[in-house]
Amino acid sequence: MTTPIFEVQGLNQSYANSRFGLKDISLKIDSGEIVGLIGKNGAGKTTLLETLANLEKKASGACYYKGRLVNRSFYQNSLGYLPTELNLYEYLTLKENLSFIFDVRGQSYNENWVNEMLAAFELDASLEVPLVELSKGMRLKFNLIVTLIHQPDILLLDEPFEGIDPAQAIVLKQILKNQAQLGKGILLSSHILSYIVDICDRIYFIKEGELLTELTAPSTMTITDIEKLFY
């Protein structure tokens, strides 16, 4: 059996008032796989992604990267997390924002990589444009480039399709498929079932902090069938 690129076992997370946020979460992501996370608002999607990104400290359980328990190096070098809001410098250009992030990470500005990514994400004409002038869809694509700047193997994406038009969603889906083809493992949340079904190899359904169902081969089912199953 192939070792998953990322695996979670028995993850629990609670709040200060002893209310559980996550209950005994176990999941896995294989190399080259896109996995969806769906559930109603407040079901625990963001809490799970934040906890996996090591932003929620009051958690127990184990996470494994390529079969080994994760450590600080994993979070710094192998994991990319895209929250719903990414705080960048609105009035700096895309190039200036990227230069700053490279500097913070102790890396030299990689012009070849930047140019390649901007072209792949259809942002090559916007390198000298202030971030504040980007459309919602363009901003999302740039945020994803920022998430990829250290070329992580694992991507956690919180509602990446939120607020973008169908044309931009098509571009984003292809970008994510391309990243999966490079061997990355991707876990993304969304409430837009049609996008999830189109792009994901498997789907987890979360309710009140628990993973209740795992759906394999979602593309073989209709949206109506999935809604009946999960909702």
C-alpha atoms as a PDB file:
ATOM      1  CA  MET A   1       0.000   0.000   0.000  1.00  0.00           C
ATOM      2  CA  THR A   2       1.297   3.446  -0.925  1.00  0.00           C
ATOM      3  CA  THR A   3       2.034   5.771   1.988  1.00  0.00           C
ATOM      4  CA  PRO A   4      -0.176   8.901   1.847  1.00  0.00           C
ATOM      5  CA  ILE A   5       1.690  12.153   1.376  1.00  0.00           C
ATOM      6  CA  PHE A   6      -0.344  13.562   4.291  1.00  0.00           C
ATOM      7  CA  GLU A   7      -2.344  11.732   6.938  1.00  0.00           C
ATOM      8  CA  VAL A   8      -4.282  12.793  10.032  1.00  0.00           C
ATOM      9  CA  GLN A   9      -5.156  10.397  12.858  1.00  0.00           C
ATOM     10  CA  GLY A  10      -7.468  11.058  15.812  1.00  0.00           C
ATOM     11  CA  LEU A  11      -7.406  14.849  15.648  1.00  0.00           C
ATOM     12  CA  ASN A  12      -9.380  16.606  18.388  1.00  0.00           C
ATOM     13  CA  GLN A  13      -9.579  20.332  19.033  1.00  0.00           C
ATOM     14  CA  SER A  14     -11.466  22.119  21.784  1.00  0.00           C
ATOM     15  CA  TYR A  15     -12.144  25.688  22.843  1.00  0.00           C
ATOM     16  CA  ALA A  16     -11.557  27.365  26.217  1.00  0.00           C
ATOM     17  CA  ASN A  17     -15.139  26.636  27.297  1.00  0.00           C
ATOM     18  CA  SER A  18     -14.486  22.906  26.728  1.00  0.00           C
ATOM     19  CA  ARG A  19     -16.708  22.899  23.634  1.00  0.00           C
ATOM     20  CA  PHE A  20     -15.234  20.611  21.021  1.00  0.00           C
ATOM     21  CA  GLY A  21     -14.342  22.126  17.673  1.00  0.00           C
ATOM     22  CA  LEU A  22     -13.132  18.892  16.068  1.00  0.00           C
ATOM     23  CA  LYS A  23     -13.926  15.332  17.106  1.00  0.00           C
ATOM     24  CA  ASP A  24     -11.646  12.410  16.265  1.00  0.00           C
ATOM     25  CA  ILE A  25     -10.796  13.527  12.723  1.00  0.00           C
ATOM     26  CA  SER A  26      -8.894  11.031  10.568  1.00  0.00           C
ATOM     27  CA  LEU A  27      -8.191  11.562   6.875  1.00  0.00           C
ATOM     28  CA  LYS A  28      -5.530  11.053   4.260  1.00  0.00           C
ATOM     29  CA  ILE A  29      -4.348  12.694   1.062  1.00  0.00           C
ATOM     30  CA  ASP A  30      -2.314  10.888  -1.566  1.00  0.00           C
ATOM     31  CA  SER A  31       0.305  12.485  -3.775  1.00  0.00           C
ATOM     32  CA  GLY A  32      -1.376  14.030  -6.818  1.00  0.00           C
ATOM     33  CA  GLU A  33      -4.815  13.919  -5.210  1.00  0.00           C
ATOM     34  CA  ILE A  34      -7.352  16.713  -4.761  1.00  0.00           C
ATOM     35  CA  VAL A  35      -9.652  16.103  -1.799  1.00  0.00           C
ATOM     36  CA  GLY A  36     -12.759  18.149  -1.075  1.00  0.00           C
ATOM     37  CA  LEU A  37     -14.190  19.177   2.286  1.00  0.00           C
ATOM     38  CA  ILE A  38     -17.853  20.135   2.361  1.00  0.00           C
ATOM     39  CA  GLY A  39     -20.347  21.013   5.059  1.00  0.00           C
ATOM     40  CA  LYS A  40     -22.719  23.748   6.138  1.00  0.00           C
ATOM     41  CA  ASN A  41     -21.525  27.060   7.574  1.00  0.00           C
ATOM     42  CA  GLY A  42     -20.155  26.449  11.063  1.00  0.00           C
ATOM     43  CA  ALA A  43     -19.632  22.734  10.433  1.00  0.00           C
ATOM     44  CA  GLY A  44     -15.900  22.979  11.132  1.00  0.00           C
ATOM     45  CA  LYS A  45     -14.296  23.335   7.691  1.00  0.00           C
ATOM     46  CA  THR A  46     -12.210  26.398   8.528  1.00  0.00           C
ATOM     47  CA  THR A  47     -11.408  25.115  12.019  1.00  0.00           C
ATOM     48  CA  LEU A  48     -10.075  21.885  10.538  1.00  0.00           C
ATOM     49  CA  LEU A  49      -7.919  23.654   7.949  1.00  0.00           C
ATOM     50  CA  GLU A  50      -6.574  26.107  10.529  1.00  0.00           C
ATOM     51  CA  THR A  51      -5.767  23.259  12.900  1.00  0.00           C
ATOM     52  CA  LEU A  52      -3.969  21.322  10.175  1.00  0.00           C
ATOM     53  CA  ALA A  53      -2.027  24.496   9.349  1.00  0.00           C
ATOM     54  CA  ASN A  54      -0.899  24.623  13.015  1.00  0.00           C
ATOM     55  CA  LEU A  55      -2.786  27.840  13.743  1.00  0.00           C
ATOM     56  CA  GLU A  56      -4.999  26.226  16.385  1.00  0.00           C
ATOM     57  CA  LYS A  57      -2.763  25.118  19.247  1.00  0.00           C
ATOM     58  CA  LYS A  58      -5.315  23.405  21.507  1.00  0.00           C
ATOM     59  CA  ALA A  59      -5.409  20.197  19.516  1.00  0.00           C
ATOM     60  CA  SER A  60      -4.470  16.565  20.066  1.00  0.00           C
ATOM     61  CA  GLY A  61      -3.870  13.783  17.587  1.00  0.00           C
ATOM     62  CA  ALA A  62      -1.178  13.080  15.021  1.00  0.00           C
ATOM     63  CA  CYS A  63      -0.330  14.320  11.529  1.00  0.00           C
ATOM     64  CA  TYR A  64       2.076  12.520   9.221  1.00  0.00           C
ATOM     65  CA  TYR A  65       3.962  13.742   6.150  1.00  0.00           C
ATOM     66  CA  LYS A  66       5.190  10.907   3.933  1.00  0.00           C
ATOM     67  CA  GLY A  67       4.787   8.517   6.846  1.00  0.00           C
ATOM     68  CA  ARG A  68       6.691  10.588   9.400  1.00  0.00           C
ATOM     69  CA  LEU A  69       5.297  12.674  12.237  1.00  0.00           C
ATOM     70  CA  VAL A  70       5.245  16.334  11.206  1.00  0.00           C
ATOM     71  CA  ASN A  71       7.641  18.836  12.775  1.00  0.00           C
ATOM     72  CA  ARG A  72       8.369  22.557  12.566  1.00  0.00           C
ATOM     73  CA  SER A  73      10.244  22.123   9.293  1.00  0.00           C
ATOM     74  CA  PHE A  74       7.111  20.626   7.724  1.00  0.00           C
ATOM     75  CA  TYR A  75       5.013  23.694   8.525  1.00  0.00           C
ATOM     76  CA  GLN A  76       7.723  26.048   7.273  1.00  0.00           C
ATOM     77  CA  ASN A  77       8.703  24.246   4.099  1.00  0.00           C
ATOM     78  CA  SER A  78       6.216  21.585   3.007  1.00  0.00           C
ATOM     79  CA  LEU A  79       2.790  23.058   3.819  1.00  0.00           C
ATOM     80  CA  GLY A  80       0.994  25.873   2.027  1.00  0.00           C
ATOM     81  CA  TYR A  81      -2.169  27.299   3.611  1.00  0.00           C
ATOM     82  CA  LEU A  82      -4.503  29.721   1.838  1.00  0.00           C
ATOM     83  CA  PRO A  83      -7.083  31.241   4.229  1.00  0.00           C
ATOM     84  CA  THR A  84     -10.161  33.101   3.039  1.00  0.00           C
ATOM     85  CA  GLU A  85      -8.325  36.375   3.728  1.00  0.00           C
ATOM     86  CA  LEU A  86      -4.591  36.776   3.113  1.00  0.00           C
ATOM     87  CA  ASN A  87      -3.073  39.933   4.569  1.00  0.00           C
ATOM     88  CA  LEU A  88      -0.736  41.519   2.038  1.00  0.00           C
ATOM     89  CA  TYR A  89       0.334  45.080   1.250  1.00  0.00           C
ATOM     90  CA  GLU A  90      -2.529  46.550  -0.775  1.00  0.00           C
ATOM     91  CA  TYR A  91      -0.634  49.516  -2.223  1.00  0.00           C
ATOM     92  CA  LEU A  92       2.537  47.645  -3.132  1.00  0.00           C
ATOM     93  CA  THR A  93       2.839  46.078  -6.570  1.00  0.00           C
ATOM     94  CA  LEU A  94       2.707  42.341  -7.074  1.00  0.00           C
ATOM     95  CA  LYS A  95       6.480  42.319  -7.540  1.00  0.00           C
ATOM     96  CA  GLU A  96       7.029  44.318  -4.349  1.00  0.00           C
ATOM     97  CA  ASN A  97       4.778  41.984  -2.354  1.00  0.00           C
ATOM     98  CA  LEU A  98       6.584  38.925  -3.695  1.00  0.00           C
ATOM     99  CA  SER A  99       9.996  40.478  -3.028  1.00  0.00           C
ATOM    100  CA  PHE A 100       8.970  41.140   0.566  1.00  0.00           C
ATOM    101  CA  ILE A 101       7.766  37.565   1.087  1.00  0.00           C
ATOM    102  CA  PHE A 102      10.930  36.087  -0.425  1.00  0.00           C
ATOM    103  CA  ASP A 103      12.939  38.311   1.924  1.00  0.00           C
ATOM    104  CA  VAL A 104      10.916  37.289   5.000  1.00  0.00           C
ATOM    105  CA  ARG A 105      11.520  33.643   4.134  1.00  0.00           C
ATOM    106  CA  GLY A 106      15.248  34.289   3.758  1.00  0.00           C
ATOM    107  CA  GLN A 107      15.184  33.525   0.047  1.00  0.00           C
ATOM    108  CA  SER A 108      16.512  35.456  -2.931  1.00  0.00           C
ATOM    109  CA  TYR A 109      13.927  36.794  -5.373  1.00  0.00           C
ATOM    110  CA  ASN A 110      13.430  34.005  -7.912  1.00  0.00           C
ATOM    111  CA  GLU A 111      12.652  35.937 -11.082  1.00  0.00           C
ATOM    112  CA  ASN A 112      12.388  32.879 -13.325  1.00  0.00           C
ATOM    113  CA  TRP A 113       9.930  31.172 -10.971  1.00  0.00           C
ATOM    114  CA  VAL A 114       7.885  34.357 -10.547  1.00  0.00           C
ATOM    115  CA  ASN A 115       7.632  34.928 -14.296  1.00  0.00           C
ATOM    116  CA  GLU A 116       6.682  31.297 -14.874  1.00  0.00           C
ATOM    117  CA  MET A 117       3.955  31.394 -12.222  1.00  0.00           C
ATOM    118  CA  LEU A 118       2.551  34.741 -13.337  1.00  0.00           C
ATOM    119  CA  ALA A 119       2.287  33.444 -16.894  1.00  0.00           C
ATOM    120  CA  ALA A 120       0.653  30.193 -15.769  1.00  0.00           C
ATOM    121  CA  PHE A 121      -1.859  32.152 -13.672  1.00  0.00           C
ATOM    122  CA  GLU A 122      -2.466  34.731 -16.440  1.00  0.00           C
ATOM    123  CA  LEU A 123      -1.050  37.565 -14.320  1.00  0.00           C
ATOM    124  CA  ASP A 124       2.140  38.283 -16.264  1.00  0.00           C
ATOM    125  CA  ALA A 125       0.872  41.701 -17.389  1.00  0.00           C
ATOM    126  CA  SER A 126       0.200  42.744 -13.779  1.00  0.00           C
ATOM    127  CA  LEU A 127       3.633  42.437 -12.159  1.00  0.00           C
ATOM    128  CA  GLU A 128       3.968  46.199 -11.633  1.00  0.00           C
ATOM    129  CA  VAL A 129       0.295  46.718 -10.719  1.00  0.00           C
ATOM    130  CA  PRO A 130      -0.638  47.561  -7.094  1.00  0.00           C
ATOM    131  CA  LEU A 131      -2.465  44.722  -5.385  1.00  0.00           C
ATOM    132  CA  VAL A 132      -5.445  46.955  -4.624  1.00  0.00           C
ATOM    133  CA  GLU A 133      -6.205  47.268  -8.349  1.00  0.00           C
ATOM    134  CA  LEU A 134      -6.687  43.543  -8.946  1.00  0.00           C
ATOM    135  CA  SER A 135     -10.124  42.025  -9.461  1.00  0.00           C
ATOM    136  CA  LYS A 136     -11.375  39.389  -7.012  1.00  0.00           C
ATOM    137  CA  GLY A 137     -10.383  36.567  -9.328  1.00  0.00           C
ATOM    138  CA  MET A 138      -6.950  38.027 -10.044  1.00  0.00           C
ATOM    139  CA  ARG A 139      -6.388  38.609  -6.340  1.00  0.00           C
ATOM    140  CA  LEU A 140      -7.228  34.987  -5.564  1.00  0.00           C
ATOM    141  CA  LYS A 141      -4.772  33.735  -8.168  1.00  0.00           C
ATOM    142  CA  PHE A 142      -2.056  35.986  -6.772  1.00  0.00           C
ATOM    143  CA  ASN A 143      -2.800  34.771  -3.241  1.00  0.00           C
ATOM    144  CA  LEU A 144      -2.324  31.227  -4.502  1.00  0.00           C
ATOM    145  CA  ILE A 145       1.045  32.171  -6.013  1.00  0.00           C
ATOM    146  CA  VAL A 146       2.040  33.543  -2.599  1.00  0.00           C
ATOM    147  CA  THR A 147       0.954  30.242  -1.027  1.00  0.00           C
ATOM    148  CA  LEU A 148       3.154  28.381  -3.517  1.00  0.00           C
ATOM    149  CA  ILE A 149       6.215  30.603  -3.094  1.00  0.00           C
ATOM    150  CA  HIS A 150       8.129  27.980  -1.087  1.00  0.00           C
ATOM    151  CA  GLN A 151       6.882  25.205  -3.406  1.00  0.00           C
ATOM    152  CA  PRO A 152       5.087  23.131  -0.737  1.00  0.00           C
ATOM    153  CA  ASP A 153       3.956  19.533  -1.258  1.00  0.00           C
ATOM    154  CA  ILE A 154       0.691  19.977   0.685  1.00  0.00           C
ATOM    155  CA  LEU A 155      -1.895  22.684  -0.048  1.00  0.00           C
ATOM    156  CA  LEU A 156      -4.768  23.559   2.297  1.00  0.00           C
ATOM    157  CA  LEU A 157      -7.221  25.925   0.602  1.00  0.00           C
ATOM    158  CA  ASP A 158     -10.169  27.499   2.432  1.00  0.00           C
ATOM    159  CA  GLU A 159     -13.038  28.355   0.040  1.00  0.00           C
ATOM    160  CA  PRO A 160     -10.786  29.171  -2.949  1.00  0.00           C
ATOM    161  CA  PHE A 161     -13.785  29.586  -5.286  1.00  0.00           C
ATOM    162  CA  GLU A 162     -15.602  32.073  -3.061  1.00  0.00           C
ATOM    163  CA  GLY A 163     -16.683  35.229  -4.904  1.00  0.00           C
ATOM    164  CA  ILE A 164     -15.115  34.559  -8.301  1.00  0.00           C
ATOM    165  CA  ASP A 165     -16.989  34.335 -11.591  1.00  0.00           C
ATOM    166  CA  PRO A 166     -17.391  31.070 -13.558  1.00  0.00           C
ATOM    167  CA  ALA A 167     -14.688  32.000 -16.076  1.00  0.00           C
ATOM    168  CA  GLN A 168     -12.124  32.582 -13.323  1.00  0.00           C
ATOM    169  CA  ALA A 169     -13.266  29.385 -11.604  1.00  0.00           C
ATOM    170  CA  ILE A 170     -12.455  27.398 -14.748  1.00  0.00           C
ATOM    171  CA  VAL A 171      -8.942  28.879 -14.774  1.00  0.00           C
ATOM    172  CA  LEU A 172      -8.479  28.151 -11.068  1.00  0.00           C
ATOM    173  CA  LYS A 173      -9.657  24.559 -11.420  1.00  0.00           C
ATOM    174  CA  GLN A 174      -7.112  23.965 -14.167  1.00  0.00           C
ATOM    175  CA  ILE A 175      -4.365  25.536 -12.048  1.00  0.00           C
ATOM    176  CA  LEU A 176      -5.200  23.195  -9.166  1.00  0.00           C
ATOM    177  CA  LYS A 177      -5.286  20.185 -11.475  1.00  0.00           C
ATOM    178  CA  ASN A 178      -1.861  21.184 -12.797  1.00  0.00           C
ATOM    179  CA  GLN A 179      -0.525  21.436  -9.244  1.00  0.00           C
ATOM    180  CA  ALA A 180      -1.899  17.978  -8.454  1.00  0.00           C
ATOM    181  CA  GLN A 181      -0.196  16.592 -11.559  1.00  0.00           C
ATOM    182  CA  LEU A 182       3.090  17.831 -10.086  1.00  0.00           C
ATOM    183  CA  GLY A 183       2.489  15.447  -7.179  1.00  0.00           C
ATOM    184  CA  LYS A 184       1.087  17.870  -4.622  1.00  0.00           C
ATOM    185  CA  GLY A 185      -1.625  16.772  -2.213  1.00  0.00           C
ATOM    186  CA  ILE A 186      -4.501  19.261  -2.023  1.00  0.00           C
ATOM    187  CA  LEU A 187      -7.301  19.604   0.535  1.00  0.00           C
ATOM    188  CA  LEU A 188      -9.839  22.317  -0.239  1.00  0.00           C
ATOM    189  CA  SER A 189     -13.135  23.419   1.234  1.00  0.00           C
ATOM    190  CA  SER A 190     -16.043  24.811  -0.736  1.00  0.00           C
ATOM    191  CA  HIS A 191     -19.806  25.110  -0.546  1.00  0.00           C
ATOM    192  CA  ILE A 192     -20.066  25.070  -4.362  1.00  0.00           C
ATOM    193  CA  LEU A 193     -20.738  21.397  -5.003  1.00  0.00           C
ATOM    194  CA  SER A 194     -20.432  21.577  -8.788  1.00  0.00           C
ATOM    195  CA  TYR A 195     -16.823  22.744  -8.502  1.00  0.00           C
ATOM    196  CA  ILE A 196     -16.001  20.159  -5.849  1.00  0.00           C
ATOM    197  CA  VAL A 197     -17.454  17.313  -7.908  1.00  0.00           C
ATOM    198  CA  ASP A 198     -15.636  18.468 -11.035  1.00  0.00           C
ATOM    199  CA  ILE A 199     -12.183  18.745  -9.492  1.00  0.00           C
ATOM    200  CA  CYS A 200     -11.967  16.399  -6.498  1.00  0.00           C
ATOM    201  CA  ASP A 201     -10.941  12.742  -6.412  1.00  0.00           C
ATOM    202  CA  ARG A 202     -12.640  12.248  -3.043  1.00  0.00           C
ATOM    203  CA  ILE A 203     -14.925  14.272  -0.765  1.00  0.00           C
ATOM    204  CA  TYR A 204     -15.215  14.375   3.023  1.00  0.00           C
ATOM    205  CA  PHE A 205     -18.420  15.655   4.615  1.00  0.00           C
ATOM    206  CA  ILE A 206     -18.025  17.430   7.962  1.00  0.00           C
ATOM    207  CA  LYS A 207     -20.828  18.199  10.426  1.00  0.00           C
ATOM    208  CA  GLU A 208     -20.432  19.684  13.915  1.00  0.00           C
ATOM    209  CA  GLY A 209     -16.704  19.002  13.838  1.00  0.00           C
ATOM    210  CA  GLU A 210     -16.974  15.349  12.790  1.00  0.00           C
ATOM    211  CA  LEU A 211     -16.202  13.712   9.459  1.00  0.00           C
ATOM    212  CA  LEU A 212     -19.362  11.714   8.808  1.00  0.00           C
ATOM    213  CA  THR A 213     -18.921  10.455   5.267  1.00  0.00           C
ATOM    214  CA  GLU A 214     -16.208   9.895   2.694  1.00  0.00           C
ATOM    215  CA  LEU A 215     -17.283   9.839  -0.937  1.00  0.00           C
ATOM    216  CA  THR A 216     -15.006   8.272  -3.537  1.00  0.00           C
ATOM    217  CA  ALA A 217     -15.370   8.913  -7.271  1.00  0.00           C
ATOM    218  CA  PRO A 218     -17.745  11.898  -6.817  1.00  0.00           C
ATOM    219  CA  SER A 219     -17.706  12.636 -10.559  1.00  0.00           C
ATOM    220  CA  THR A 220     -19.825   9.514 -11.109  1.00  0.00           C
ATOM    221  CA  MET A 221     -22.708  11.041  -9.115  1.00  0.00           C
ATOM    222  CA  THR A 222     -25.071  13.905  -9.862  1.00  0.00           C
ATOM    223  CA  ILE A 223     -25.153  17.050  -7.736  1.00  0.00           C
ATOM    224  CA  THR A 224     -28.686  16.144  -6.641  1.00  0.00           C
ATOM    225  CA  ASP A 225     -27.576  12.696  -5.475  1.00  0.00           C
ATOM    226  CA  ILE A 226     -24.715  14.185  -3.457  1.00  0.00           C
ATOM    227  CA  GLU A 227     -27.006  16.790  -1.890  1.00  0.00           C
ATOM    228  CA  LYS A 228     -29.414  14.031  -0.841  1.00  0.00           C
ATOM    229  CA  LEU A 229     -26.557  12.018   0.622  1.00  0.00           C
ATOM    230  CA  PHE A 230     -24.931  14.843   2.575  1.00  0.00           C
ATOM    231  CA  TYR A 231     -27.692  17.319   3.329  1.00  0.00           C
END
